[in-house]
Amino acid sequence: MVPLTRLTHIGICVSDLPRSLRFYRELLGFTYESELRVAGEPRDTLLRLRDVDLQAVYLCRDGVRIELLAFASPPAPAPRPRVMHELGLTHLSFRVDDMEATITALRTAGERVLDETIIRFPDFGAAACMVTDPD
């Protein structure tokens, strides 16, 4: 095994930092930890980009830390649809007490619940669905 000490965070690139902060903090309950603004070297080398200018905001919930990365430069590639079995991170999973209330709250906040993914397991009193983040 590789001698890792601990997992520190999961990075998520965002196009609109205020909107993503609202989503992750106000809707999903992450709390603010810290932030930093970085530009140029050594981040250019680390990220394999040129002229890096980014703001990173760290949020935490249930012992999980996410890093929202908002790049002012370089420009991001055009967004494209991403299928669930594409390699890489696919989702964050949350347990809720009342799925219907959760779905209603997300929709009321203007977020996108993927209706075609809603499944129910009545024998287990459980259900699941997918919700997209702002990006």
C-alpha atoms as a PDB file:
ATOM      1  CA  MET A   1       0.000   0.000   0.000  1.00  0.00           C
ATOM      2  CA  VAL A   2       1.147   3.551  -0.722  1.00  0.00           C
ATOM      3  CA  PRO A   3       1.999   5.279   2.598  1.00  0.00           C
ATOM      4  CA  LEU A   4      -0.742   7.922   2.596  1.00  0.00           C
ATOM      5  CA  THR A   5      -1.508   9.776   5.806  1.00  0.00           C
ATOM      6  CA  ARG A   6      -5.089  10.895   5.076  1.00  0.00           C
ATOM      7  CA  LEU A   7      -7.469  12.172   2.416  1.00  0.00           C
ATOM      8  CA  THR A   8      -7.456  15.982   2.483  1.00  0.00           C
ATOM      9  CA  HIS A   9     -10.107  17.047  -0.042  1.00  0.00           C
ATOM     10  CA  ILE A  10     -11.937  16.463  -3.317  1.00  0.00           C
ATOM     11  CA  GLY A  11     -11.552  19.225  -5.942  1.00  0.00           C
ATOM     12  CA  ILE A  12     -14.500  20.412  -8.036  1.00  0.00           C
ATOM     13  CA  CYS A  13     -14.088  23.031 -10.807  1.00  0.00           C
ATOM     14  CA  VAL A  14     -16.933  25.541 -10.920  1.00  0.00           C
ATOM     15  CA  SER A  15     -17.901  28.214 -13.426  1.00  0.00           C
ATOM     16  CA  ASP A  16     -19.771  30.528 -11.045  1.00  0.00           C
ATOM     17  CA  LEU A  17     -18.339  30.520  -7.529  1.00  0.00           C
ATOM     18  CA  PRO A  18     -21.195  32.408  -5.805  1.00  0.00           C
ATOM     19  CA  ARG A  19     -23.786  30.043  -7.315  1.00  0.00           C
ATOM     20  CA  SER A  20     -21.769  26.958  -6.372  1.00  0.00           C
ATOM     21  CA  LEU A  21     -21.248  28.289  -2.842  1.00  0.00           C
ATOM     22  CA  ARG A  22     -25.010  28.753  -2.498  1.00  0.00           C
ATOM     23  CA  PHE A  23     -25.596  25.192  -3.745  1.00  0.00           C
ATOM     24  CA  TYR A  24     -23.023  23.495  -1.541  1.00  0.00           C
ATOM     25  CA  ARG A  25     -23.466  25.670   1.568  1.00  0.00           C
ATOM     26  CA  GLU A  26     -27.114  26.700   1.671  1.00  0.00           C
ATOM     27  CA  LEU A  27     -28.650  23.627   0.055  1.00  0.00           C
ATOM     28  CA  LEU A  28     -26.269  20.797   0.942  1.00  0.00           C
ATOM     29  CA  GLY A  29     -25.079  22.075   4.319  1.00  0.00           C
ATOM     30  CA  PHE A  30     -21.329  22.320   3.756  1.00  0.00           C
ATOM     31  CA  THR A  31     -19.591  24.832   6.010  1.00  0.00           C
ATOM     32  CA  TYR A  32     -16.920  27.311   5.011  1.00  0.00           C
ATOM     33  CA  GLU A  33     -13.386  26.461   6.109  1.00  0.00           C
ATOM     34  CA  SER A  34     -10.973  28.650   4.190  1.00  0.00           C
ATOM     35  CA  GLU A  35     -10.036  30.044   0.818  1.00  0.00           C
ATOM     36  CA  LEU A  36      -7.043  31.154  -1.149  1.00  0.00           C
ATOM     37  CA  ARG A  37      -6.218  32.932  -4.382  1.00  0.00           C
ATOM     38  CA  VAL A  38      -3.255  31.680  -6.405  1.00  0.00           C
ATOM     39  CA  ALA A  39      -1.675  32.653  -9.701  1.00  0.00           C
ATOM     40  CA  GLY A  40       1.275  31.588 -11.825  1.00  0.00           C
ATOM     41  CA  GLU A  41       4.063  29.332 -10.622  1.00  0.00           C
ATOM     42  CA  PRO A  42       4.298  26.871  -8.999  1.00  0.00           C
ATOM     43  CA  ARG A  43       0.577  26.216  -9.678  1.00  0.00           C
ATOM     44  CA  ASP A  44       1.083  26.348 -13.458  1.00  0.00           C
ATOM     45  CA  THR A  45       3.465  23.401 -13.173  1.00  0.00           C
ATOM     46  CA  LEU A  46       1.354  21.509 -10.640  1.00  0.00           C
ATOM     47  CA  LEU A  47      -1.875  21.862 -12.654  1.00  0.00           C
ATOM     48  CA  ARG A  48      -0.194  21.519 -16.074  1.00  0.00           C
ATOM     49  CA  LEU A  49      -1.757  24.809 -17.203  1.00  0.00           C
ATOM     50  CA  ARG A  50      -0.370  28.208 -18.140  1.00  0.00           C
ATOM     51  CA  ASP A  51      -1.252  31.592 -16.654  1.00  0.00           C
ATOM     52  CA  VAL A  52      -3.219  30.056 -13.782  1.00  0.00           C
ATOM     53  CA  ASP A  53      -5.329  32.487 -11.788  1.00  0.00           C
ATOM     54  CA  LEU A  54      -7.789  30.765  -9.502  1.00  0.00           C
ATOM     55  CA  GLN A  55      -9.735  31.111  -6.309  1.00  0.00           C
ATOM     56  CA  ALA A  56     -10.135  27.992  -4.189  1.00  0.00           C
ATOM     57  CA  VAL A  57     -12.751  27.730  -1.439  1.00  0.00           C
ATOM     58  CA  TYR A  58     -12.688  24.836   1.021  1.00  0.00           C
ATOM     59  CA  LEU A  59     -15.970  23.567   2.437  1.00  0.00           C
ATOM     60  CA  CYS A  60     -16.600  20.696   4.853  1.00  0.00           C
ATOM     61  CA  ARG A  61     -19.478  18.441   5.789  1.00  0.00           C
ATOM     62  CA  ASP A  62     -19.514  15.175   7.762  1.00  0.00           C
ATOM     63  CA  GLY A  63     -15.721  15.071   7.757  1.00  0.00           C
ATOM     64  CA  VAL A  64     -15.544  15.409   3.957  1.00  0.00           C
ATOM     65  CA  ARG A  65     -13.787  18.469   2.553  1.00  0.00           C
ATOM     66  CA  ILE A  66     -14.391  19.722  -0.960  1.00  0.00           C
ATOM     67  CA  GLU A  67     -12.383  22.381  -2.753  1.00  0.00           C
ATOM     68  CA  LEU A  68     -14.336  24.555  -5.178  1.00  0.00           C
ATOM     69  CA  LEU A  69     -11.939  25.793  -7.871  1.00  0.00           C
ATOM     70  CA  ALA A  70     -12.973  28.913  -9.781  1.00  0.00           C
ATOM     71  CA  PHE A  71     -10.477  29.658 -12.569  1.00  0.00           C
ATOM     72  CA  ALA A  72     -10.267  33.249 -13.793  1.00  0.00           C
ATOM     73  CA  SER A  73      -7.555  32.014 -16.170  1.00  0.00           C
ATOM     74  CA  PRO A  74      -7.020  30.050 -18.321  1.00  0.00           C
ATOM     75  CA  PRO A  75     -10.511  29.797 -19.834  1.00  0.00           C
ATOM     76  CA  ALA A  76     -12.234  26.451 -19.324  1.00  0.00           C
ATOM     77  CA  PRO A  77     -13.123  24.208 -22.263  1.00  0.00           C
ATOM     78  CA  ALA A  78     -16.737  24.350 -23.434  1.00  0.00           C
ATOM     79  CA  PRO A  79     -19.053  22.321 -21.180  1.00  0.00           C
ATOM     80  CA  ARG A  80     -20.383  19.055 -22.537  1.00  0.00           C
ATOM     81  CA  PRO A  81     -22.779  16.396 -21.319  1.00  0.00           C
ATOM     82  CA  ARG A  82     -21.095  13.759 -19.163  1.00  0.00           C
ATOM     83  CA  VAL A  83     -22.438  10.223 -18.955  1.00  0.00           C
ATOM     84  CA  MET A  84     -22.461   8.318 -15.685  1.00  0.00           C
ATOM     85  CA  HIS A  85     -20.013   5.646 -16.781  1.00  0.00           C
ATOM     86  CA  GLU A  86     -17.393   8.131 -17.983  1.00  0.00           C
ATOM     87  CA  LEU A  87     -14.179   7.581 -16.096  1.00  0.00           C
ATOM     88  CA  GLY A  88     -13.515   9.818 -13.103  1.00  0.00           C
ATOM     89  CA  LEU A  89     -15.585  11.131 -10.226  1.00  0.00           C
ATOM     90  CA  THR A  90     -19.279  10.431 -10.814  1.00  0.00           C
ATOM     91  CA  HIS A  91     -21.163  11.678  -7.761  1.00  0.00           C
ATOM     92  CA  LEU A  92     -21.375  12.670  -4.119  1.00  0.00           C
ATOM     93  CA  SER A  93     -23.946  10.655  -2.164  1.00  0.00           C
ATOM     94  CA  PHE A  94     -26.114  11.945   0.702  1.00  0.00           C
ATOM     95  CA  ARG A  95     -28.622  10.268   2.984  1.00  0.00           C
ATOM     96  CA  VAL A  96     -31.856  12.179   3.674  1.00  0.00           C
ATOM     97  CA  ASP A  97     -34.770  11.592   6.043  1.00  0.00           C
ATOM     98  CA  ASP A  98     -37.481  12.670   3.587  1.00  0.00           C
ATOM     99  CA  MET A  99     -36.724  12.353  -0.119  1.00  0.00           C
ATOM    100  CA  GLU A 100     -39.897  14.093  -1.270  1.00  0.00           C
ATOM    101  CA  ALA A 101     -39.174  17.121   0.939  1.00  0.00           C
ATOM    102  CA  THR A 102     -35.557  17.145  -0.248  1.00  0.00           C
ATOM    103  CA  ILE A 103     -36.582  17.028  -3.921  1.00  0.00           C
ATOM    104  CA  THR A 104     -39.126  19.804  -3.336  1.00  0.00           C
ATOM    105  CA  ALA A 105     -36.536  21.985  -1.574  1.00  0.00           C
ATOM    106  CA  LEU A 106     -34.009  21.480  -4.377  1.00  0.00           C
ATOM    107  CA  ARG A 107     -36.563  22.301  -7.072  1.00  0.00           C
ATOM    108  CA  THR A 108     -37.778  25.354  -5.152  1.00  0.00           C
ATOM    109  CA  ALA A 109     -34.166  26.554  -5.035  1.00  0.00           C
ATOM    110  CA  GLY A 110     -34.007  26.214  -8.825  1.00  0.00           C
ATOM    111  CA  GLU A 111     -31.798  23.123  -8.886  1.00  0.00           C
ATOM    112  CA  ARG A 112     -32.192  20.300 -11.381  1.00  0.00           C
ATOM    113  CA  VAL A 113     -33.497  16.950 -10.140  1.00  0.00           C
ATOM    114  CA  LEU A 114     -33.191  14.303 -12.863  1.00  0.00           C
ATOM    115  CA  ASP A 115     -36.758  12.973 -12.755  1.00  0.00           C
ATOM    116  CA  GLU A 116     -35.923   9.993 -14.941  1.00  0.00           C
ATOM    117  CA  THR A 117     -33.504   8.722 -12.264  1.00  0.00           C
ATOM    118  CA  ILE A 118     -35.972   8.623  -9.357  1.00  0.00           C
ATOM    119  CA  ILE A 119     -36.303   5.061  -8.093  1.00  0.00           C
ATOM    120  CA  ARG A 120     -38.136   3.733  -5.054  1.00  0.00           C
ATOM    121  CA  PHE A 121     -37.636   0.611  -2.942  1.00  0.00           C
ATOM    122  CA  PRO A 122     -40.907   0.371  -0.973  1.00  0.00           C
ATOM    123  CA  ASP A 123     -39.927  -2.895   0.723  1.00  0.00           C
ATOM    124  CA  PHE A 124     -36.964  -1.123   2.291  1.00  0.00           C
ATOM    125  CA  GLY A 125     -38.553   2.326   2.765  1.00  0.00           C
ATOM    126  CA  ALA A 126     -35.813   3.741   0.555  1.00  0.00           C
ATOM    127  CA  ALA A 127     -35.444   5.765  -2.617  1.00  0.00           C
ATOM    128  CA  ALA A 128     -32.722   7.355  -4.711  1.00  0.00           C
ATOM    129  CA  CYS A 129     -32.274   9.945  -7.434  1.00  0.00           C
ATOM    130  CA  MET A 130     -29.658  12.096  -9.126  1.00  0.00           C
ATOM    131  CA  VAL A 131     -29.396  15.872  -8.832  1.00  0.00           C
ATOM    132  CA  THR A 132     -26.988  17.958 -10.865  1.00  0.00           C
ATOM    133  CA  ASP A 133     -24.726  20.557  -9.319  1.00  0.00           C
ATOM    134  CA  PRO A 134     -24.674  24.038 -10.900  1.00  0.00           C
ATOM    135  CA  ASP A 135     -22.111  22.923 -13.491  1.00  0.00           C
END
